[in-house]
Amino acid sequence: MAQIDAATEQRIAEARARQRQDKKVPFLIRDDGMLYPNVPKVRERASSRFRPYHGDPKATLDSRLRYLQGLAPVRPVTFTEPEPFDVGKATADELVQFAQEQWGELLDPSKPVRQLREAVMQLSQLPAPVYGSGIGASEEP
């Protein structure tokens, strides 16, 4: 094997440097949203159609186009709310618990489900200060 002299080693180092991607800003974005590696050879050829890209390289084309327009990225919306309480499908125990949690009302669990549903519907229609009226509670002390 032949040894590499200093001049050859210098040429190899320069060739690697021409192919090395910038670590701080690894991508350039073209005005149509396409990403290109930020290497010296591409930067030399880059016209006014290219500019540094600081966004997510895995972003969708729509997100990249928003980036080009100077708009903020769209945040994904996730709903953490549980399903709404369905009075028509709830059991007697669920209705009693729901009335207790929502309005502080104690419903009689021994009543039929239909009457408990009616009581919950009545409670949902009352203004806030009327809570504690005893709707759906047992008449016995």
C-alpha atoms as a PDB file:
ATOM      1  CA  MET A   1       0.000   0.000   0.000  1.00  0.00           C
ATOM      2  CA  ALA A   2       1.192   3.414  -0.920  1.00  0.00           C
ATOM      3  CA  GLN A   3       1.348   6.078   1.713  1.00  0.00           C
ATOM      4  CA  ILE A   4      -0.732   9.200   1.302  1.00  0.00           C
ATOM      5  CA  ASP A   5       1.305  12.373   1.069  1.00  0.00           C
ATOM      6  CA  ALA A   6       0.254  15.683   2.631  1.00  0.00           C
ATOM      7  CA  ALA A   7      -1.131  17.146  -0.605  1.00  0.00           C
ATOM      8  CA  THR A   8      -3.390  14.137  -1.220  1.00  0.00           C
ATOM      9  CA  GLU A   9      -4.560  14.183   2.371  1.00  0.00           C
ATOM     10  CA  GLN A  10      -5.384  17.894   2.005  1.00  0.00           C
ATOM     11  CA  ARG A  11      -7.425  17.241  -1.174  1.00  0.00           C
ATOM     12  CA  ILE A  12      -9.348  14.443   0.576  1.00  0.00           C
ATOM     13  CA  ALA A  13     -10.105  16.711   3.531  1.00  0.00           C
ATOM     14  CA  GLU A  14     -11.337  19.460   1.208  1.00  0.00           C
ATOM     15  CA  ALA A  15     -13.551  16.984  -0.675  1.00  0.00           C
ATOM     16  CA  ARG A  16     -15.088  15.801   2.617  1.00  0.00           C
ATOM     17  CA  ALA A  17     -15.666  19.403   3.672  1.00  0.00           C
ATOM     18  CA  ARG A  18     -17.532  20.080   0.427  1.00  0.00           C
ATOM     19  CA  GLN A  19     -19.877  17.180   1.164  1.00  0.00           C
ATOM     20  CA  ARG A  20     -20.288  17.856   4.901  1.00  0.00           C
ATOM     21  CA  GLN A  21     -23.729  19.026   5.937  1.00  0.00           C
ATOM     22  CA  ASP A  22     -24.003  22.066   8.196  1.00  0.00           C
ATOM     23  CA  LYS A  23     -24.742  20.879  11.739  1.00  0.00           C
ATOM     24  CA  LYS A  24     -26.480  24.046  12.989  1.00  0.00           C
ATOM     25  CA  VAL A  25     -28.811  24.459   9.997  1.00  0.00           C
ATOM     26  CA  PRO A  26     -28.832  21.082   8.230  1.00  0.00           C
ATOM     27  CA  PHE A  27     -31.436  21.939   5.565  1.00  0.00           C
ATOM     28  CA  LEU A  28     -32.259  24.576   2.977  1.00  0.00           C
ATOM     29  CA  ILE A  29     -35.817  25.068   1.805  1.00  0.00           C
ATOM     30  CA  ARG A  30     -36.754  25.992  -1.741  1.00  0.00           C
ATOM     31  CA  ASP A  31     -39.670  28.349  -2.444  1.00  0.00           C
ATOM     32  CA  ASP A  32     -41.888  25.373  -3.343  1.00  0.00           C
ATOM     33  CA  GLY A  33     -41.340  23.716   0.069  1.00  0.00           C
ATOM     34  CA  MET A  34     -38.771  21.083  -0.951  1.00  0.00           C
ATOM     35  CA  LEU A  35     -35.877  20.455   1.448  1.00  0.00           C
ATOM     36  CA  TYR A  36     -32.253  20.143   0.387  1.00  0.00           C
ATOM     37  CA  PRO A  37     -29.169  19.320   2.459  1.00  0.00           C
ATOM     38  CA  ASN A  38     -27.256  22.388   3.517  1.00  0.00           C
ATOM     39  CA  VAL A  39     -23.878  21.538   2.000  1.00  0.00           C
ATOM     40  CA  PRO A  40     -21.452  24.024   0.430  1.00  0.00           C
ATOM     41  CA  LYS A  41     -22.075  22.808  -3.109  1.00  0.00           C
ATOM     42  CA  VAL A  42     -25.833  23.370  -2.833  1.00  0.00           C
ATOM     43  CA  ARG A  43     -25.306  26.725  -1.093  1.00  0.00           C
ATOM     44  CA  GLU A  44     -23.095  27.876  -3.976  1.00  0.00           C
ATOM     45  CA  ARG A  45     -25.803  27.068  -6.498  1.00  0.00           C
ATOM     46  CA  ALA A  46     -28.599  28.307  -4.268  1.00  0.00           C
ATOM     47  CA  SER A  47     -30.336  31.291  -5.720  1.00  0.00           C
ATOM     48  CA  SER A  48     -32.882  33.495  -4.063  1.00  0.00           C
ATOM     49  CA  ARG A  49     -35.234  30.489  -4.214  1.00  0.00           C
ATOM     50  CA  PHE A  50     -33.425  28.867  -1.253  1.00  0.00           C
ATOM     51  CA  ARG A  51     -33.162  29.904   2.361  1.00  0.00           C
ATOM     52  CA  PRO A  52     -32.143  28.185   5.624  1.00  0.00           C
ATOM     53  CA  TYR A  53     -34.788  25.910   7.139  1.00  0.00           C
ATOM     54  CA  HIS A  54     -35.075  25.773  10.925  1.00  0.00           C
ATOM     55  CA  GLY A  55     -38.267  23.704  11.113  1.00  0.00           C
ATOM     56  CA  ASP A  56     -38.951  20.003  11.500  1.00  0.00           C
ATOM     57  CA  PRO A  57     -37.476  18.004   8.596  1.00  0.00           C
ATOM     58  CA  LYS A  58     -40.337  15.475   8.915  1.00  0.00           C
ATOM     59  CA  ALA A  59     -43.007  18.175   8.623  1.00  0.00           C
ATOM     60  CA  THR A  60     -45.671  17.929   5.967  1.00  0.00           C
ATOM     61  CA  LEU A  61     -45.518  19.988   2.797  1.00  0.00           C
ATOM     62  CA  ASP A  62     -48.331  22.210   4.122  1.00  0.00           C
ATOM     63  CA  SER A  63     -46.343  22.931   7.286  1.00  0.00           C
ATOM     64  CA  ARG A  64     -43.241  23.767   5.260  1.00  0.00           C
ATOM     65  CA  LEU A  65     -45.232  26.121   3.031  1.00  0.00           C
ATOM     66  CA  ARG A  66     -46.600  27.826   6.166  1.00  0.00           C
ATOM     67  CA  TYR A  67     -42.975  28.189   7.315  1.00  0.00           C
ATOM     68  CA  LEU A  68     -42.107  29.902   4.024  1.00  0.00           C
ATOM     69  CA  GLN A  69     -44.995  32.332   4.469  1.00  0.00           C
ATOM     70  CA  GLY A  70     -43.742  33.171   7.952  1.00  0.00           C
ATOM     71  CA  LEU A  71     -46.747  31.650   9.687  1.00  0.00           C
ATOM     72  CA  ALA A  72     -46.537  29.745  12.935  1.00  0.00           C
ATOM     73  CA  PRO A  73     -46.849  25.976  12.712  1.00  0.00           C
ATOM     74  CA  VAL A  74     -50.288  24.582  13.413  1.00  0.00           C
ATOM     75  CA  ARG A  75     -50.516  22.849  16.744  1.00  0.00           C
ATOM     76  CA  PRO A  76     -52.235  19.496  16.732  1.00  0.00           C
ATOM     77  CA  VAL A  77     -55.483  19.521  18.674  1.00  0.00           C
ATOM     78  CA  THR A  78     -56.085  16.672  21.060  1.00  0.00           C
ATOM     79  CA  PHE A  79     -59.265  16.310  23.019  1.00  0.00           C
ATOM     80  CA  THR A  80     -58.695  15.160  26.559  1.00  0.00           C
ATOM     81  CA  GLU A  81     -62.324  15.516  27.586  1.00  0.00           C
ATOM     82  CA  PRO A  82     -64.084  12.227  28.173  1.00  0.00           C
ATOM     83  CA  GLU A  83     -67.220  11.302  26.315  1.00  0.00           C
ATOM     84  CA  PRO A  84     -70.199  13.430  27.345  1.00  0.00           C
ATOM     85  CA  PHE A  85     -72.426  11.870  29.951  1.00  0.00           C
ATOM     86  CA  ASP A  86     -75.361  10.165  28.256  1.00  0.00           C
ATOM     87  CA  VAL A  87     -78.367  10.125  30.576  1.00  0.00           C
ATOM     88  CA  GLY A  88     -80.204   7.723  28.262  1.00  0.00           C
ATOM     89  CA  LYS A  89     -77.526   5.031  28.544  1.00  0.00           C
ATOM     90  CA  ALA A  90     -76.497   5.520  32.184  1.00  0.00           C
ATOM     91  CA  THR A  91     -77.304   3.008  34.884  1.00  0.00           C
ATOM     92  CA  ALA A  92     -78.964   3.921  38.172  1.00  0.00           C
ATOM     93  CA  ASP A  93     -75.622   3.992  40.017  1.00  0.00           C
ATOM     94  CA  GLU A  94     -74.044   6.195  37.332  1.00  0.00           C
ATOM     95  CA  LEU A  95     -76.977   8.618  37.497  1.00  0.00           C
ATOM     96  CA  VAL A  96     -76.745   8.885  41.298  1.00  0.00           C
ATOM     97  CA  GLN A  97     -72.977   9.444  41.112  1.00  0.00           C
ATOM     98  CA  PHE A  98     -73.322  12.009  38.298  1.00  0.00           C
ATOM     99  CA  ALA A  99     -75.917  14.048  40.207  1.00  0.00           C
ATOM    100  CA  GLN A 100     -73.702  13.970  43.303  1.00  0.00           C
ATOM    101  CA  GLU A 101     -70.574  15.090  41.424  1.00  0.00           C
ATOM    102  CA  GLN A 102     -72.230  17.745  39.254  1.00  0.00           C
ATOM    103  CA  TRP A 103     -74.742  19.349  41.560  1.00  0.00           C
ATOM    104  CA  GLY A 104     -74.216  17.890  45.022  1.00  0.00           C
ATOM    105  CA  GLU A 105     -77.662  16.289  44.912  1.00  0.00           C
ATOM    106  CA  LEU A 106     -78.319  12.939  46.556  1.00  0.00           C
ATOM    107  CA  LEU A 107     -80.709  10.880  44.458  1.00  0.00           C
ATOM    108  CA  ASP A 108     -82.476   7.831  45.849  1.00  0.00           C
ATOM    109  CA  PRO A 109     -80.765   4.804  44.220  1.00  0.00           C
ATOM    110  CA  SER A 110     -83.774   2.598  44.977  1.00  0.00           C
ATOM    111  CA  LYS A 111     -85.951   4.566  42.518  1.00  0.00           C
ATOM    112  CA  PRO A 112     -86.459   3.204  38.993  1.00  0.00           C
ATOM    113  CA  VAL A 113     -83.914   4.287  36.375  1.00  0.00           C
ATOM    114  CA  ARG A 114     -86.590   6.208  34.450  1.00  0.00           C
ATOM    115  CA  GLN A 115     -87.356   8.402  37.475  1.00  0.00           C
ATOM    116  CA  LEU A 116     -83.646   8.959  38.142  1.00  0.00           C
ATOM    117  CA  ARG A 117     -83.172  10.074  34.526  1.00  0.00           C
ATOM    118  CA  GLU A 118     -86.072  12.500  34.889  1.00  0.00           C
ATOM    119  CA  ALA A 119     -84.550  13.875  38.092  1.00  0.00           C
ATOM    120  CA  VAL A 120     -81.154  14.381  36.416  1.00  0.00           C
ATOM    121  CA  MET A 121     -82.806  16.140  33.483  1.00  0.00           C
ATOM    122  CA  GLN A 122     -84.695  18.427  35.906  1.00  0.00           C
ATOM    123  CA  LEU A 123     -81.464  19.217  37.753  1.00  0.00           C
ATOM    124  CA  SER A 124     -79.713  20.073  34.506  1.00  0.00           C
ATOM    125  CA  GLN A 125     -82.359  22.703  33.713  1.00  0.00           C
ATOM    126  CA  LEU A 126     -82.249  24.484  37.081  1.00  0.00           C
ATOM    127  CA  PRO A 127     -80.178  27.639  37.637  1.00  0.00           C
ATOM    128  CA  ALA A 128     -77.143  27.194  39.905  1.00  0.00           C
ATOM    129  CA  PRO A 129     -78.560  28.723  43.149  1.00  0.00           C
ATOM    130  CA  VAL A 130     -81.509  26.285  43.163  1.00  0.00           C
ATOM    131  CA  TYR A 131     -79.234  23.263  43.691  1.00  0.00           C
ATOM    132  CA  GLY A 132     -79.940  21.458  46.913  1.00  0.00           C
ATOM    133  CA  SER A 133     -83.685  21.571  46.327  1.00  0.00           C
ATOM    134  CA  GLY A 134     -84.034  17.830  46.913  1.00  0.00           C
ATOM    135  CA  ILE A 135     -85.323  16.911  43.464  1.00  0.00           C
ATOM    136  CA  GLY A 136     -85.274  13.145  43.131  1.00  0.00           C
ATOM    137  CA  ALA A 137     -84.457  12.583  46.794  1.00  0.00           C
ATOM    138  CA  SER A 138     -86.447  10.215  48.882  1.00  0.00           C
ATOM    139  CA  GLU A 139     -89.395  11.750  50.728  1.00  0.00           C
ATOM    140  CA  GLU A 140     -88.638   9.741  53.826  1.00  0.00           C
ATOM    141  CA  PRO A 141     -86.186  11.314  56.328  1.00  0.00           C
END
